[in-house]
Amino acid sequence: MAQGGTKVSTLKTDFYSGVYKLRMLDGYRIVMPSQIRNILGKEAIITKGFEANLIIVDIQRWEHLIGPLKNVSFLNTEGRDTLRFLVGSAYHVSLDRQGRLVIPKPLRKSIKLKTQELYCVGVYNWIELWDPAAWHKKERFLEKNVGDIAQQFVQAS
């Protein structure tokens, strides 16, 4: 209840958001936060990210995110390499009734986890999994540079 007895409503969203601290369970399983799980559903794609992290996407959004790459010419080296990186390292995973998923063995090294903890970051259309030290470094960089990054992005658009 909010101050004054007024009930605060929870907005239902269809995008991923928030930062969550997770702990790896036995068998390289993680429990997805309920806010993420409600959008993600029972099946997802997990793949390497571009920044020593992992990306998790629901099946429908995977098709949307990877869509522009489907039409890349076989003769385009950068397109082939991007497809190899994203699709070649992609695995279909299922969430169990408790919202747990297993991080596939080939992807475990790419995230460079030094502890059993990791961060889950909702980034609108996808989810990122980070080693804590790498996430804190990225977070500090963003806090310091977000104004300049946003300005460059707007100018490029």
Protein backbone atom coordinates (compact mmCIF):
# COMPACT_ATOMS: atom_id res chain seq x y z
CA MET A 1 0.00 0.00 0.00
CA ALA A 2 1.24 3.45 -0.82
CA GLN A 3 1.12 6.26 1.69
CA GLY A 4 -2.46 7.23 2.52
CA GLY A 5 -3.81 3.73 1.94
CA THR A 6 -4.01 3.95 -1.86
CA LYS A 7 -3.17 0.69 -3.58
CA VAL A 8 -0.32 0.99 -6.07
CA SER A 9 -1.02 -0.94 -9.26
CA THR A 10 1.65 -3.01 -10.94
CA LEU A 11 1.94 -2.28 -14.63
CA LYS A 12 1.94 -5.32 -16.89
CA THR A 13 4.66 -4.93 -19.45
CA ASP A 14 5.69 -6.95 -22.46
CA PHE A 15 9.32 -5.90 -22.40
CA TYR A 16 12.29 -6.95 -20.29
CA SER A 17 13.60 -4.48 -17.71
CA GLY A 18 15.45 -4.36 -14.41
CA VAL A 19 18.68 -5.68 -12.94
CA TYR A 20 18.53 -8.86 -10.86
CA LYS A 21 21.26 -10.61 -8.89
CA LEU A 22 21.08 -14.38 -9.45
CA ARG A 23 22.91 -17.36 -8.02
CA MET A 24 23.94 -20.35 -10.08
CA LEU A 25 22.47 -23.60 -8.77
CA ASP A 26 23.86 -27.12 -9.15
CA GLY A 27 24.06 -28.21 -12.76
CA TYR A 28 24.59 -24.65 -14.04
CA ARG A 29 20.93 -23.84 -13.52
CA ILE A 30 19.59 -20.37 -12.85
CA VAL A 31 16.15 -19.30 -11.68
CA MET A 32 14.81 -16.52 -13.85
CA PRO A 33 13.14 -13.69 -11.90
CA SER A 34 9.34 -13.88 -12.06
CA GLN A 35 9.10 -10.47 -13.78
CA ILE A 36 11.33 -11.80 -16.57
CA ARG A 37 9.79 -15.29 -16.59
CA ASN A 38 6.27 -13.93 -17.08
CA ILE A 39 7.36 -12.43 -20.41
CA LEU A 40 9.90 -15.07 -21.43
CA GLY A 41 7.56 -18.04 -21.27
CA LYS A 42 8.64 -21.68 -21.23
CA GLU A 43 11.13 -21.72 -24.12
CA ALA A 44 13.95 -19.42 -25.13
CA ILE A 45 17.14 -19.03 -27.12
CA ILE A 46 20.40 -18.41 -25.27
CA THR A 47 23.51 -17.29 -27.13
CA LYS A 48 26.76 -15.39 -26.77
CA GLY A 49 26.54 -11.65 -26.33
CA PHE A 50 28.91 -9.10 -27.81
CA GLU A 51 30.46 -8.11 -24.47
CA ALA A 52 31.52 -11.36 -22.77
CA ASN A 53 27.93 -11.85 -21.62
CA LEU A 54 25.07 -14.11 -22.65
CA ILE A 55 21.80 -13.11 -24.29
CA ILE A 56 18.46 -14.80 -23.68
CA VAL A 57 15.53 -14.13 -25.99
CA ASP A 58 12.07 -15.64 -26.25
CA ILE A 59 11.45 -17.52 -29.49
CA GLN A 60 9.27 -14.83 -31.06
CA ARG A 61 11.75 -12.02 -30.38
CA TRP A 62 14.64 -14.16 -31.56
CA GLU A 63 13.05 -14.28 -35.00
CA HIS A 64 12.60 -10.51 -34.91
CA LEU A 65 16.16 -9.78 -33.71
CA ILE A 66 17.87 -12.18 -36.08
CA GLY A 67 15.54 -11.33 -38.98
CA PRO A 68 17.72 -8.65 -40.63
CA LEU A 69 20.64 -11.09 -40.71
CA LYS A 70 18.65 -13.77 -42.54
CA ASN A 71 18.86 -11.77 -45.74
CA VAL A 72 22.59 -11.08 -45.59
CA SER A 73 24.37 -12.22 -48.70
CA PHE A 74 26.51 -15.33 -48.41
CA LEU A 75 29.22 -13.20 -50.01
CA ASN A 76 29.17 -10.66 -47.15
CA THR A 77 31.97 -11.58 -44.72
CA GLU A 78 30.70 -9.43 -41.83
CA GLY A 79 27.21 -10.88 -42.19
CA ARG A 80 28.50 -14.45 -42.19
CA ASP A 81 30.68 -13.77 -39.16
CA THR A 82 27.80 -12.18 -37.24
CA LEU A 83 25.53 -15.13 -38.06
CA ARG A 84 28.25 -17.57 -37.01
CA PHE A 85 28.70 -15.75 -33.72
CA LEU A 86 25.02 -15.36 -32.81
CA VAL A 87 23.32 -18.33 -34.46
CA GLY A 88 26.27 -20.71 -34.29
CA SER A 89 26.42 -20.30 -30.51
CA ALA A 90 22.62 -20.30 -29.99
CA TYR A 91 20.87 -23.02 -27.99
CA HIS A 92 17.19 -23.71 -27.49
CA VAL A 93 16.44 -23.99 -23.75
CA SER A 94 13.33 -24.80 -21.76
CA LEU A 95 12.35 -23.41 -18.39
CA ASP A 96 11.01 -25.87 -15.84
CA ARG A 97 8.02 -25.23 -13.58
CA GLN A 98 10.18 -23.27 -11.14
CA GLY A 99 11.49 -21.03 -13.93
CA ARG A 100 14.93 -22.63 -14.00
CA LEU A 101 17.04 -23.04 -17.11
CA VAL A 102 20.38 -24.68 -17.70
CA ILE A 103 23.20 -22.67 -19.24
CA PRO A 104 24.56 -24.93 -22.01
CA LYS A 105 28.13 -26.13 -21.47
CA PRO A 106 29.64 -24.40 -24.56
CA LEU A 107 28.33 -21.03 -23.31
CA ARG A 108 29.59 -21.29 -19.73
CA LYS A 109 33.14 -20.23 -20.59
CA SER A 110 32.10 -17.27 -22.73
CA ILE A 111 30.49 -15.49 -19.76
CA LYS A 112 33.75 -15.87 -17.75
CA LEU A 113 32.03 -16.38 -14.40
CA LYS A 114 34.41 -16.17 -11.48
CA THR A 115 31.73 -16.87 -8.84
CA GLN A 116 28.34 -18.58 -8.63
CA GLU A 117 26.66 -15.17 -8.81
CA LEU A 118 25.62 -13.39 -11.96
CA TYR A 119 23.50 -10.45 -12.99
CA CYS A 120 20.39 -10.67 -15.16
CA VAL A 121 19.69 -7.42 -17.00
CA GLY A 122 16.45 -6.78 -18.92
CA VAL A 123 17.23 -4.77 -22.07
CA TYR A 124 13.75 -4.29 -23.58
CA ASN A 125 13.80 -7.02 -26.28
CA TRP A 126 16.38 -9.32 -24.70
CA ILE A 127 17.96 -10.37 -21.42
CA GLU A 128 21.67 -10.27 -20.66
CA LEU A 129 23.56 -12.44 -18.17
CA TRP A 130 26.77 -10.94 -16.78
CA ASP A 131 29.61 -11.89 -14.49
CA PRO A 132 29.31 -9.44 -11.54
CA ALA A 133 32.72 -7.79 -12.09
CA ALA A 134 32.02 -7.28 -15.80
CA TRP A 135 28.53 -5.90 -15.07
CA HIS A 136 29.82 -3.44 -12.46
CA LYS A 137 32.49 -2.24 -14.90
CA LYS A 138 29.84 -1.78 -17.64
CA GLU A 139 27.52 -0.03 -15.18
CA ARG A 140 30.25 2.45 -14.15
CA PHE A 141 31.05 3.12 -17.81
CA LEU A 142 27.39 3.76 -18.60
CA GLU A 143 26.87 6.04 -15.62
CA LYS A 144 29.90 8.10 -16.65
CA ASN A 145 29.18 8.20 -20.40
CA VAL A 146 25.42 7.78 -20.95
CA GLY A 147 24.88 11.42 -21.96
CA ASP A 148 27.52 11.27 -24.68
CA ILE A 149 26.38 7.83 -25.83
CA ALA A 150 22.77 9.00 -26.13
CA GLN A 151 23.83 12.13 -28.02
CA GLN A 152 25.89 10.11 -30.52
CA PHE A 153 23.02 7.66 -30.97
CA VAL A 154 20.51 10.47 -31.66
CA GLN A 155 22.88 12.11 -34.15
CA ALA A 156 23.40 8.82 -35.98
CA SER A 157 19.67 8.17 -36.28
